[in-house]
Structures are given as structure tokens and as C-alpha cells.
Amino acid sequence: MPIKIITDSGSDLPLEYIEKFNISIVKLAVHFHNEKMDDNMDACEFYSKMKESKDLPTTASPSPMQFLEKFREVEAGTDILVISMSSNISSTYQAAMIAKEMYEEEGHTSRVEVVDSKTFSGGLSLLVALAAKWSQTSTCIHELKDRVLKQVKDVSAFFTLDTLENVIKGGRLSRLSGAVASVLHIKLLLKISEDGTVEVVEKNRGFQKALSSIMARLEDKQHDYEKGILAIVHSNCEKRALEFKERILEKHPFKEILFSNMGPIMGVYAGEGGIGVAF
């Protein structure tokens, strides 16, 4: 039985994967002041607009109806697997679960399963890409869901930011800690924790040292370069990210790399110049 993959816009999934595997994306809203951002605004345009804005844009989780509408679009007889960003940073997972109940109450025969990825951006991108590949050969949705849940526990995601301004404004880091780090030119190595929140792992003097710390984390894990996938996301600093990609490939020749510009949902907090890696 065919399986449809649905995720949210916190995944930063590359367009080629969305098109290749016919993945549906439920969009979270982004507001500049009281103005809702056009869903079709590309990442580069978003960062430009954010730079001009005095206040940090705000984000809002999708409603259950947005998920329900996506479920209704799926061809009858096709089961649905939703993989959402971490429930500890967004209520997107809860919205998908409510939509699942609504869909079942409507009497649809297709099964819907929802997975809390406990991650976001590159980590979620990686999980969705793997799920899309596995869906081609999975015998049933429960087998696919179990496989994805096991992968959730295995995904590691690290990132470092060029500026802490947005993280502080967004309440993800205390103003005092951020101010001290900025004055000392400290770049934080951040990790998506097991419960799907952001934690500080290390403090580095300078951006290159922070990237070296990410490289060191790659060394801590065994990799299947033929079957494994690496995800690299950047917040509007493609040249820097491509250079880092080549640096990684010199030591870790992954056959497949997901490479994308961090979209508005994560970009609101990351600000420009950040790089993240998930494996």
C-alpha cells in the first residue's frame, strides 16, 4: 500500500526532495508586525526583509485544519505518515494529532500516523528524506513508523550561529549569557537535545573553531557513507556552507548530502550566518 509523507516547514527540506517524493509541506505562519508573510516568499527575500525589520518576526504553528486539508487531498487508499518538528518547540505535533482524530471521525479508511521528530531544520530534513526513501519499499505504515521512531533516537544535530541577537530576542538564550558571548566573540556550539530542545554544548572563540567542533562530533559516530545521508543547513550564507561541505567531504565522503538554506521558521531564531549539520 502506498504511503504519503507530510511534514512542516520547520524541516528546511530541499526542493528536489519535495518534488522527487511528492512530500507535502504544512506551512507555519510568519508575521512581520501584523503582516503575514507570503507563503511563497523565498529564503533570501525573507532574510533581507528581516534585516530591515526593527522587531523580530514572529511564528505561529499551523492549525489542525491545515493538516486536515492536506489529509483530504491524499488519494483514497493511501496511508499517511506525518513527521513534525519537535513538540517541545512548537505545537505543530499537537495540531497534527488533532487533525488525525478529525480525519478518522470523518470515516476515511486511510490510516494516519504522526511522529514527533524531537528535532527540527536539518535533523527533521534528514528524517523526512529517509522516511521518503523507506516508504518506497515499506510493506505497511506501522513498519515505516517504527523505523522512523528508531531513527529519531539516532539522529545527531549540531549548529553554530554567527549572531546571537535573534536567539536572545526569541527567548531561546538568556540576554546576559548572549551579551557576554557577543562581547568575547564567542560562538556557541548548540545541539538539539534528546527531548527536542536546544542546549549549549561548547563555547568557542571564533566561527571557524565552532565549525571544527562540529567536525569533531562527526568523528564520534560510525557512518555508512554509501547508505547514510548528511544534512547541512545554512541561514543565508551559502558560500560559507559550501566551503564547510567540502571540508566535511574530505574526511567523510557521504554519497548523499541534503543541502538547503534555512527557511523563515528556523531563520527567525538563527539569524544570518548560521550553519547546522545533522547525521
C-alpha atoms as a PDB file:
ATOM      1  CA  MET A   1       0.000   0.000   0.000  1.00  0.00           C
ATOM      2  CA  PRO A   2       1.390   3.460  -0.921  1.00  0.00           C
ATOM      3  CA  ILE A   3       2.367   5.841   1.887  1.00  0.00           C
ATOM      4  CA  LYS A   4       2.211   9.629   1.698  1.00  0.00           C
ATOM      5  CA  ILE A   5       4.770  11.665   3.673  1.00  0.00           C
ATOM      6  CA  ILE A   6       3.751  15.009   5.167  1.00  0.00           C
ATOM      7  CA  THR A   7       5.951  17.349   7.206  1.00  0.00           C
ATOM      8  CA  ASP A   8       6.008  21.009   8.207  1.00  0.00           C
ATOM      9  CA  SER A   9       8.026  23.996   7.063  1.00  0.00           C
ATOM     10  CA  GLY A  10      10.341  23.666  10.057  1.00  0.00           C
ATOM     11  CA  SER A  11      12.034  20.858   8.128  1.00  0.00           C
ATOM     12  CA  ASP A  12      14.009  23.006   5.635  1.00  0.00           C
ATOM     13  CA  LEU A  13      13.755  20.103   3.194  1.00  0.00           C
ATOM     14  CA  PRO A  14      15.456  20.753  -0.178  1.00  0.00           C
ATOM     15  CA  LEU A  15      13.001  21.362  -3.021  1.00  0.00           C
ATOM     16  CA  GLU A  16      14.341  18.458  -5.075  1.00  0.00           C
ATOM     17  CA  TYR A  17      13.322  16.011  -2.344  1.00  0.00           C
ATOM     18  CA  ILE A  18       9.874  17.543  -2.007  1.00  0.00           C
ATOM     19  CA  GLU A  19       9.330  17.100  -5.733  1.00  0.00           C
ATOM     20  CA  LYS A  20      11.003  13.695  -6.117  1.00  0.00           C
ATOM     21  CA  PHE A  21       9.000  12.020  -3.336  1.00  0.00           C
ATOM     22  CA  ASN A  22       5.845  14.170  -3.610  1.00  0.00           C
ATOM     23  CA  ILE A  23       6.150  15.306   0.022  1.00  0.00           C
ATOM     24  CA  SER A  24       3.514  17.742   1.278  1.00  0.00           C
ATOM     25  CA  ILE A  25       4.575  20.656   3.483  1.00  0.00           C
ATOM     26  CA  VAL A  26       2.243  22.240   6.045  1.00  0.00           C
ATOM     27  CA  LYS A  27       3.331  25.854   6.408  1.00  0.00           C
ATOM     28  CA  LEU A  28       3.784  27.661   9.692  1.00  0.00           C
ATOM     29  CA  ALA A  29       2.904  31.333   9.539  1.00  0.00           C
ATOM     30  CA  VAL A  30       5.482  34.109   9.861  1.00  0.00           C
ATOM     31  CA  HIS A  31       4.408  37.658  10.737  1.00  0.00           C
ATOM     32  CA  PHE A  32       6.295  40.921  10.383  1.00  0.00           C
ATOM     33  CA  HIS A  33       4.479  43.148  12.860  1.00  0.00           C
ATOM     34  CA  ASN A  34       0.821  42.475  11.960  1.00  0.00           C
ATOM     35  CA  GLU A  35       1.548  41.482   8.382  1.00  0.00           C
ATOM     36  CA  LYS A  36       1.559  37.774   7.472  1.00  0.00           C
ATOM     37  CA  MET A  37       4.478  36.827   5.256  1.00  0.00           C
ATOM     38  CA  ASP A  38       3.612  35.434   1.834  1.00  0.00           C
ATOM     39  CA  ASP A  39       3.992  31.632   1.956  1.00  0.00           C
ATOM     40  CA  ASN A  40       5.829  31.790  -1.378  1.00  0.00           C
ATOM     41  CA  MET A  41       8.494  34.246  -0.194  1.00  0.00           C
ATOM     42  CA  ASP A  42      11.878  32.587  -0.713  1.00  0.00           C
ATOM     43  CA  ALA A  43      14.538  32.364   1.971  1.00  0.00           C
ATOM     44  CA  CYS A  44      16.808  35.082   0.548  1.00  0.00           C
ATOM     45  CA  GLU A  45      13.925  37.553   0.367  1.00  0.00           C
ATOM     46  CA  PHE A  46      12.938  36.659   3.929  1.00  0.00           C
ATOM     47  CA  TYR A  47      16.418  37.357   5.341  1.00  0.00           C
ATOM     48  CA  SER A  48      16.525  40.674   3.510  1.00  0.00           C
ATOM     49  CA  LYS A  49      13.163  41.673   4.946  1.00  0.00           C
ATOM     50  CA  MET A  50      14.167  40.519   8.438  1.00  0.00           C
ATOM     51  CA  LYS A  51      17.320  42.645   8.271  1.00  0.00           C
ATOM     52  CA  GLU A  52      15.199  45.719   7.512  1.00  0.00           C
ATOM     53  CA  SER A  53      12.704  44.997  10.285  1.00  0.00           C
ATOM     54  CA  LYS A  54      13.228  46.630  13.695  1.00  0.00           C
ATOM     55  CA  ASP A  55      11.432  43.840  15.520  1.00  0.00           C
ATOM     56  CA  LEU A  56      11.958  40.107  15.273  1.00  0.00           C
ATOM     57  CA  PRO A  57       9.305  38.394  13.129  1.00  0.00           C
ATOM     58  CA  THR A  58       7.001  36.009  14.971  1.00  0.00           C
ATOM     59  CA  THR A  59       5.964  32.488  14.022  1.00  0.00           C
ATOM     60  CA  ALA A  60       2.703  30.620  14.579  1.00  0.00           C
ATOM     61  CA  SER A  61       2.048  26.888  14.452  1.00  0.00           C
ATOM     62  CA  PRO A  62      -0.407  25.594  11.849  1.00  0.00           C
ATOM     63  CA  SER A  63      -3.992  24.840  12.808  1.00  0.00           C
ATOM     64  CA  PRO A  64      -5.415  21.302  12.806  1.00  0.00           C
ATOM     65  CA  MET A  65      -7.491  22.335   9.774  1.00  0.00           C
ATOM     66  CA  GLN A  66      -4.332  22.916   7.744  1.00  0.00           C
ATOM     67  CA  PHE A  67      -3.293  19.338   8.376  1.00  0.00           C
ATOM     68  CA  LEU A  68      -6.809  18.030   7.787  1.00  0.00           C
ATOM     69  CA  GLU A  69      -6.933  19.732   4.398  1.00  0.00           C
ATOM     70  CA  LYS A  70      -3.649  18.034   3.440  1.00  0.00           C
ATOM     71  CA  PHE A  71      -5.025  14.663   4.598  1.00  0.00           C
ATOM     72  CA  ARG A  72      -8.153  15.131   2.482  1.00  0.00           C
ATOM     73  CA  GLU A  73      -6.024  15.791  -0.609  1.00  0.00           C
ATOM     74  CA  VAL A  74      -4.382  12.364  -0.352  1.00  0.00           C
ATOM     75  CA  GLU A  75      -5.763   9.728  -2.700  1.00  0.00           C
ATOM     76  CA  ALA A  76      -8.100   7.204  -1.064  1.00  0.00           C
ATOM     77  CA  GLY A  77      -6.290   4.029  -0.054  1.00  0.00           C
ATOM     78  CA  THR A  78      -3.011   5.821   0.583  1.00  0.00           C
ATOM     79  CA  ASP A  79      -1.841   5.826   4.194  1.00  0.00           C
ATOM     80  CA  ILE A  80      -0.294   8.990   5.639  1.00  0.00           C
ATOM     81  CA  LEU A  81       2.799   9.470   7.798  1.00  0.00           C
ATOM     82  CA  VAL A  82       3.261  12.919   9.354  1.00  0.00           C
ATOM     83  CA  ILE A  83       6.697  13.795  10.716  1.00  0.00           C
ATOM     84  CA  SER A  84       6.592  17.042  12.677  1.00  0.00           C
ATOM     85  CA  MET A  85       9.189  19.237  14.272  1.00  0.00           C
ATOM     86  CA  SER A  86       9.852  18.777  17.977  1.00  0.00           C
ATOM     87  CA  SER A  87       6.771  19.110  20.178  1.00  0.00           C
ATOM     88  CA  ASN A  88       8.963  20.900  22.726  1.00  0.00           C
ATOM     89  CA  ILE A  89       9.481  23.927  20.494  1.00  0.00           C
ATOM     90  CA  SER A  90       6.203  24.010  18.561  1.00  0.00           C
ATOM     91  CA  SER A  91       2.589  22.859  18.891  1.00  0.00           C
ATOM     92  CA  THR A  92       2.688  21.546  15.321  1.00  0.00           C
ATOM     93  CA  TYR A  93       2.718  17.932  16.528  1.00  0.00           C
ATOM     94  CA  GLN A  94      -0.367  18.517  18.666  1.00  0.00           C
ATOM     95  CA  ALA A  95      -2.165  20.132  15.705  1.00  0.00           C
ATOM     96  CA  ALA A  96      -1.393  17.091  13.540  1.00  0.00           C
ATOM     97  CA  MET A  97      -2.711  14.739  16.236  1.00  0.00           C
ATOM     98  CA  ILE A  98      -5.998  16.669  16.478  1.00  0.00           C
ATOM     99  CA  ALA A  99      -6.289  16.593  12.680  1.00  0.00           C
ATOM    100  CA  LYS A 100      -5.743  12.818  12.751  1.00  0.00           C
ATOM    101  CA  GLU A 101      -8.726  12.435  15.099  1.00  0.00           C
ATOM    102  CA  MET A 102     -10.862  14.709  12.907  1.00  0.00           C
ATOM    103  CA  TYR A 103      -9.911  12.754   9.795  1.00  0.00           C
ATOM    104  CA  GLU A 104     -10.783   9.429  11.424  1.00  0.00           C
ATOM    105  CA  GLU A 105     -14.114  10.815  12.660  1.00  0.00           C
ATOM    106  CA  GLU A 106     -14.952  11.722   9.062  1.00  0.00           C
ATOM    107  CA  GLY A 107     -14.794   7.997   8.254  1.00  0.00           C
ATOM    108  CA  HIS A 108     -11.760   7.876   5.955  1.00  0.00           C
ATOM    109  CA  THR A 109     -10.258   4.417   5.535  1.00  0.00           C
ATOM    110  CA  SER A 110      -6.670   5.581   5.045  1.00  0.00           C
ATOM    111  CA  ARG A 111      -4.559   5.328   8.179  1.00  0.00           C
ATOM    112  CA  VAL A 112      -2.744   8.348   9.606  1.00  0.00           C
ATOM    113  CA  GLU A 113       0.274   8.086  11.904  1.00  0.00           C
ATOM    114  CA  VAL A 114       2.091  11.067  13.449  1.00  0.00           C
ATOM    115  CA  VAL A 115       5.721  11.099  14.591  1.00  0.00           C
ATOM    116  CA  ASP A 116       7.245  13.717  16.888  1.00  0.00           C
ATOM    117  CA  SER A 117      10.725  14.018  15.390  1.00  0.00           C
ATOM    118  CA  LYS A 118      12.258  15.592  18.544  1.00  0.00           C
ATOM    119  CA  THR A 119      14.293  17.736  16.163  1.00  0.00           C
ATOM    120  CA  PHE A 120      13.932  20.440  13.514  1.00  0.00           C
ATOM    121  CA  SER A 121      15.636  22.017  10.483  1.00  0.00           C
ATOM    122  CA  GLY A 122      18.473  19.739   9.277  1.00  0.00           C
ATOM    123  CA  GLY A 123      17.580  16.961  11.718  1.00  0.00           C
ATOM    124  CA  LEU A 124      13.961  16.919  10.563  1.00  0.00           C
ATOM    125  CA  SER A 125      15.048  17.220   6.938  1.00  0.00           C
ATOM    126  CA  LEU A 126      17.192  14.128   7.394  1.00  0.00           C
ATOM    127  CA  LEU A 127      14.381  12.103   8.992  1.00  0.00           C
ATOM    128  CA  VAL A 128      11.864  13.070   6.321  1.00  0.00           C
ATOM    129  CA  ALA A 129      14.272  12.242   3.496  1.00  0.00           C
ATOM    130  CA  LEU A 130      14.994   8.813   4.960  1.00  0.00           C
ATOM    131  CA  ALA A 131      11.289   8.152   5.552  1.00  0.00           C
ATOM    132  CA  ALA A 132      10.510   9.086   1.953  1.00  0.00           C
ATOM    133  CA  LYS A 133      13.112   6.619   0.690  1.00  0.00           C
ATOM    134  CA  TRP A 134      11.952   3.867   3.036  1.00  0.00           C
ATOM    135  CA  SER A 135       8.309   4.436   2.088  1.00  0.00           C
ATOM    136  CA  GLN A 136       9.089   3.094  -1.388  1.00  0.00           C
ATOM    137  CA  THR A 137       9.685  -0.395  -0.016  1.00  0.00           C
ATOM    138  CA  SER A 138       7.776  -0.478   3.304  1.00  0.00           C
ATOM    139  CA  THR A 139       5.048  -3.108   3.476  1.00  0.00           C
ATOM    140  CA  CYS A 140       2.837  -1.051   5.805  1.00  0.00           C
ATOM    141  CA  ILE A 141       2.691   2.285   7.597  1.00  0.00           C
ATOM    142  CA  HIS A 142       3.356   0.741  11.020  1.00  0.00           C
ATOM    143  CA  GLU A 143       6.616  -0.761   9.782  1.00  0.00           C
ATOM    144  CA  LEU A 144       7.644   2.628   8.388  1.00  0.00           C
ATOM    145  CA  LYS A 145       6.642   4.474  11.555  1.00  0.00           C
ATOM    146  CA  ASP A 146       8.642   2.068  13.743  1.00  0.00           C
ATOM    147  CA  ARG A 147      11.683   2.524  11.525  1.00  0.00           C
ATOM    148  CA  VAL A 148      11.403   6.312  11.709  1.00  0.00           C
ATOM    149  CA  LEU A 149      10.969   6.234  15.505  1.00  0.00           C
ATOM    150  CA  LYS A 150      14.188   4.249  15.832  1.00  0.00           C
ATOM    151  CA  GLN A 151      15.952   6.791  13.625  1.00  0.00           C
ATOM    152  CA  VAL A 152      14.637   9.657  15.785  1.00  0.00           C
ATOM    153  CA  LYS A 153      16.771   8.332  18.654  1.00  0.00           C
ATOM    154  CA  ASP A 154      19.829   8.045  16.422  1.00  0.00           C
ATOM    155  CA  VAL A 155      19.900  11.463  14.733  1.00  0.00           C
ATOM    156  CA  SER A 156      22.501  13.962  15.959  1.00  0.00           C
ATOM    157  CA  ALA A 157      22.155  17.629  15.069  1.00  0.00           C
ATOM    158  CA  PHE A 158      24.586  20.440  15.867  1.00  0.00           C
ATOM    159  CA  PHE A 159      24.731  24.051  14.753  1.00  0.00           C
ATOM    160  CA  THR A 160      26.528  27.289  15.379  1.00  0.00           C
ATOM    161  CA  LEU A 161      25.350  30.844  14.787  1.00  0.00           C
ATOM    162  CA  ASP A 162      27.174  33.932  13.613  1.00  0.00           C
ATOM    163  CA  THR A 163      24.994  36.185  15.746  1.00  0.00           C
ATOM    164  CA  LEU A 164      23.095  35.536  18.967  1.00  0.00           C
ATOM    165  CA  GLU A 165      20.817  38.547  18.581  1.00  0.00           C
ATOM    166  CA  ASN A 166      17.809  36.623  17.272  1.00  0.00           C
ATOM    167  CA  VAL A 167      18.203  33.759  19.742  1.00  0.00           C
ATOM    168  CA  ILE A 168      18.178  36.239  22.622  1.00  0.00           C
ATOM    169  CA  LYS A 169      15.215  38.203  21.251  1.00  0.00           C
ATOM    170  CA  GLY A 170      13.330  34.967  20.677  1.00  0.00           C
ATOM    171  CA  GLY A 171      13.879  33.855  24.261  1.00  0.00           C
ATOM    172  CA  ARG A 172      15.995  30.791  23.355  1.00  0.00           C
ATOM    173  CA  LEU A 173      19.019  32.154  25.242  1.00  0.00           C
ATOM    174  CA  SER A 174      19.243  34.491  28.225  1.00  0.00           C
ATOM    175  CA  ARG A 175      20.144  38.087  27.423  1.00  0.00           C
ATOM    176  CA  LEU A 176      23.026  38.062  29.921  1.00  0.00           C
ATOM    177  CA  SER A 177      24.607  34.893  28.512  1.00  0.00           C
ATOM    178  CA  GLY A 178      24.188  36.200  24.989  1.00  0.00           C
ATOM    179  CA  ALA A 179      25.679  39.594  25.799  1.00  0.00           C
ATOM    180  CA  VAL A 180      28.773  38.047  27.412  1.00  0.00           C
ATOM    181  CA  ALA A 181      29.249  35.684  24.449  1.00  0.00           C
ATOM    182  CA  SER A 182      28.947  38.523  21.935  1.00  0.00           C
ATOM    183  CA  VAL A 183      31.463  40.753  23.698  1.00  0.00           C
ATOM    184  CA  LEU A 184      34.024  37.944  23.876  1.00  0.00           C
ATOM    185  CA  HIS A 185      33.376  36.909  20.233  1.00  0.00           C
ATOM    186  CA  ILE A 186      32.290  33.522  21.480  1.00  0.00           C
ATOM    187  CA  LYS A 187      30.438  31.249  19.077  1.00  0.00           C
ATOM    188  CA  LEU A 188      28.274  28.674  20.771  1.00  0.00           C
ATOM    189  CA  LEU A 189      28.134  25.073  19.651  1.00  0.00           C
ATOM    190  CA  LEU A 190      24.481  24.179  20.045  1.00  0.00           C
ATOM    191  CA  LYS A 191      22.863  20.775  19.989  1.00  0.00           C
ATOM    192  CA  ILE A 192      19.302  19.579  19.579  1.00  0.00           C
ATOM    193  CA  SER A 193      18.859  17.537  22.742  1.00  0.00           C
ATOM    194  CA  GLU A 194      17.104  14.191  23.122  1.00  0.00           C
ATOM    195  CA  ASP A 195      13.922  15.932  24.234  1.00  0.00           C
ATOM    196  CA  GLY A 196      13.966  18.197  21.191  1.00  0.00           C
ATOM    197  CA  THR A 197      15.160  21.443  22.762  1.00  0.00           C
ATOM    198  CA  VAL A 198      18.316  23.498  22.219  1.00  0.00           C
ATOM    199  CA  GLU A 199      21.241  23.119  24.577  1.00  0.00           C
ATOM    200  CA  VAL A 200      24.682  24.742  24.662  1.00  0.00           C
ATOM    201  CA  VAL A 201      27.417  22.128  24.296  1.00  0.00           C
ATOM    202  CA  GLU A 202      30.552  24.219  23.972  1.00  0.00           C
ATOM    203  CA  LYS A 203      31.830  27.784  23.704  1.00  0.00           C
ATOM    204  CA  ASN A 204      34.403  28.636  21.037  1.00  0.00           C
ATOM    205  CA  ARG A 205      36.425  31.743  20.233  1.00  0.00           C
ATOM    206  CA  GLY A 206      35.557  32.402  16.605  1.00  0.00           C
ATOM    207  CA  PHE A 207      33.325  30.806  13.984  1.00  0.00           C
ATOM    208  CA  GLN A 208      35.958  28.504  12.452  1.00  0.00           C
ATOM    209  CA  LYS A 209      36.638  26.916  15.826  1.00  0.00           C
ATOM    210  CA  ALA A 210      32.921  26.314  16.226  1.00  0.00           C
ATOM    211  CA  LEU A 211      32.857  24.562  12.839  1.00  0.00           C
ATOM    212  CA  SER A 212      35.855  22.472  13.911  1.00  0.00           C
ATOM    213  CA  SER A 213      33.830  21.422  16.956  1.00  0.00           C
ATOM    214  CA  ILE A 214      31.063  20.203  14.655  1.00  0.00           C
ATOM    215  CA  MET A 215      33.673  18.257  12.678  1.00  0.00           C
ATOM    216  CA  ALA A 216      34.845  16.657  15.915  1.00  0.00           C
ATOM    217  CA  ARG A 217      31.281  15.478  16.635  1.00  0.00           C
ATOM    218  CA  LEU A 218      31.180  13.809  13.235  1.00  0.00           C
ATOM    219  CA  GLU A 219      34.231  11.796  14.265  1.00  0.00           C
ATOM    220  CA  ASP A 220      32.361  10.432  17.293  1.00  0.00           C
ATOM    221  CA  LYS A 221      29.977   8.365  15.191  1.00  0.00           C
ATOM    222  CA  GLN A 222      30.324   5.489  12.742  1.00  0.00           C
ATOM    223  CA  HIS A 223      28.991   6.342   9.292  1.00  0.00           C
ATOM    224  CA  ASP A 224      27.797   4.249   6.377  1.00  0.00           C
ATOM    225  CA  TYR A 225      28.871   6.577   3.587  1.00  0.00           C
ATOM    226  CA  GLU A 226      27.045   4.604   0.888  1.00  0.00           C
ATOM    227  CA  LYS A 227      23.650   4.491   2.613  1.00  0.00           C
ATOM    228  CA  GLY A 228      23.866   7.286   5.176  1.00  0.00           C
ATOM    229  CA  ILE A 229      22.728  10.836   4.494  1.00  0.00           C
ATOM    230  CA  LEU A 230      24.201  14.041   5.888  1.00  0.00           C
ATOM    231  CA  ALA A 231      22.135  17.216   6.136  1.00  0.00           C
ATOM    232  CA  ILE A 232      23.684  20.681   6.006  1.00  0.00           C
ATOM    233  CA  VAL A 233      21.582  23.788   6.522  1.00  0.00           C
ATOM    234  CA  HIS A 234      22.704  27.398   6.463  1.00  0.00           C
ATOM    235  CA  SER A 235      20.976  30.672   7.239  1.00  0.00           C
ATOM    236  CA  ASN A 236      21.645  32.643   4.065  1.00  0.00           C
ATOM    237  CA  CYS A 237      25.415  32.030   3.937  1.00  0.00           C
ATOM    238  CA  GLU A 238      25.675  29.596   1.041  1.00  0.00           C
ATOM    239  CA  LYS A 239      29.347  30.241   0.207  1.00  0.00           C
ATOM    240  CA  ARG A 240      30.448  29.580   3.787  1.00  0.00           C
ATOM    241  CA  ALA A 241      28.257  26.446   3.971  1.00  0.00           C
ATOM    242  CA  LEU A 242      29.556  25.066   0.658  1.00  0.00           C
ATOM    243  CA  GLU A 243      33.132  25.508   1.886  1.00  0.00           C
ATOM    244  CA  PHE A 244      32.236  23.617   5.047  1.00  0.00           C
ATOM    245  CA  LYS A 245      30.548  20.917   2.977  1.00  0.00           C
ATOM    246  CA  GLU A 246      33.791  20.342   1.049  1.00  0.00           C
ATOM    247  CA  ARG A 247      35.722  20.261   4.304  1.00  0.00           C
ATOM    248  CA  ILE A 248      33.383  17.555   5.621  1.00  0.00           C
ATOM    249  CA  LEU A 249      33.553  15.501   2.416  1.00  0.00           C
ATOM    250  CA  GLU A 250      37.348  15.366   2.580  1.00  0.00           C
ATOM    251  CA  LYS A 251      37.056  13.259   5.733  1.00  0.00           C
ATOM    252  CA  HIS A 252      33.532  11.902   5.437  1.00  0.00           C
ATOM    253  CA  PRO A 253      32.630  11.011   1.832  1.00  0.00           C
ATOM    254  CA  PHE A 254      28.873  10.740   2.208  1.00  0.00           C
ATOM    255  CA  LYS A 255      27.308   9.654  -1.060  1.00  0.00           C
ATOM    256  CA  GLU A 256      24.278  11.828  -0.392  1.00  0.00           C
ATOM    257  CA  ILE A 257      24.032  15.262   1.212  1.00  0.00           C
ATOM    258  CA  LEU A 258      20.909  17.310   1.833  1.00  0.00           C
ATOM    259  CA  PHE A 259      21.897  20.951   1.387  1.00  0.00           C
ATOM    260  CA  SER A 260      19.459  23.796   1.964  1.00  0.00           C
ATOM    261  CA  ASN A 261      19.010  27.390   3.016  1.00  0.00           C
ATOM    262  CA  MET A 262      17.273  27.550   6.392  1.00  0.00           C
ATOM    263  CA  GLY A 263      13.733  28.795   5.845  1.00  0.00           C
ATOM    264  CA  PRO A 264      11.861  31.512   7.746  1.00  0.00           C
ATOM    265  CA  ILE A 265      10.655  29.301  10.631  1.00  0.00           C
ATOM    266  CA  MET A 266      14.140  28.441  11.862  1.00  0.00           C
ATOM    267  CA  GLY A 267      15.773  31.513  10.332  1.00  0.00           C
ATOM    268  CA  VAL A 268      13.779  33.775  12.654  1.00  0.00           C
ATOM    269  CA  TYR A 269      15.812  32.414  15.583  1.00  0.00           C
ATOM    270  CA  ALA A 270      19.089  31.631  13.835  1.00  0.00           C
ATOM    271  CA  GLY A 271      19.644  34.980  12.135  1.00  0.00           C
ATOM    272  CA  GLU A 272      22.004  35.199   9.161  1.00  0.00           C
ATOM    273  CA  GLY A 273      25.288  33.337   9.005  1.00  0.00           C
ATOM    274  CA  GLY A 274      24.478  30.134  10.888  1.00  0.00           C
ATOM    275  CA  ILE A 275      25.372  26.582   9.850  1.00  0.00           C
ATOM    276  CA  GLY A 276      23.886  23.316  11.068  1.00  0.00           C
ATOM    277  CA  VAL A 277      24.730  19.664  10.413  1.00  0.00           C
ATOM    278  CA  ALA A 278      22.615  16.578  11.097  1.00  0.00           C
ATOM    279  CA  PHE A 279      23.735  12.962  10.747  1.00  0.00           C
END
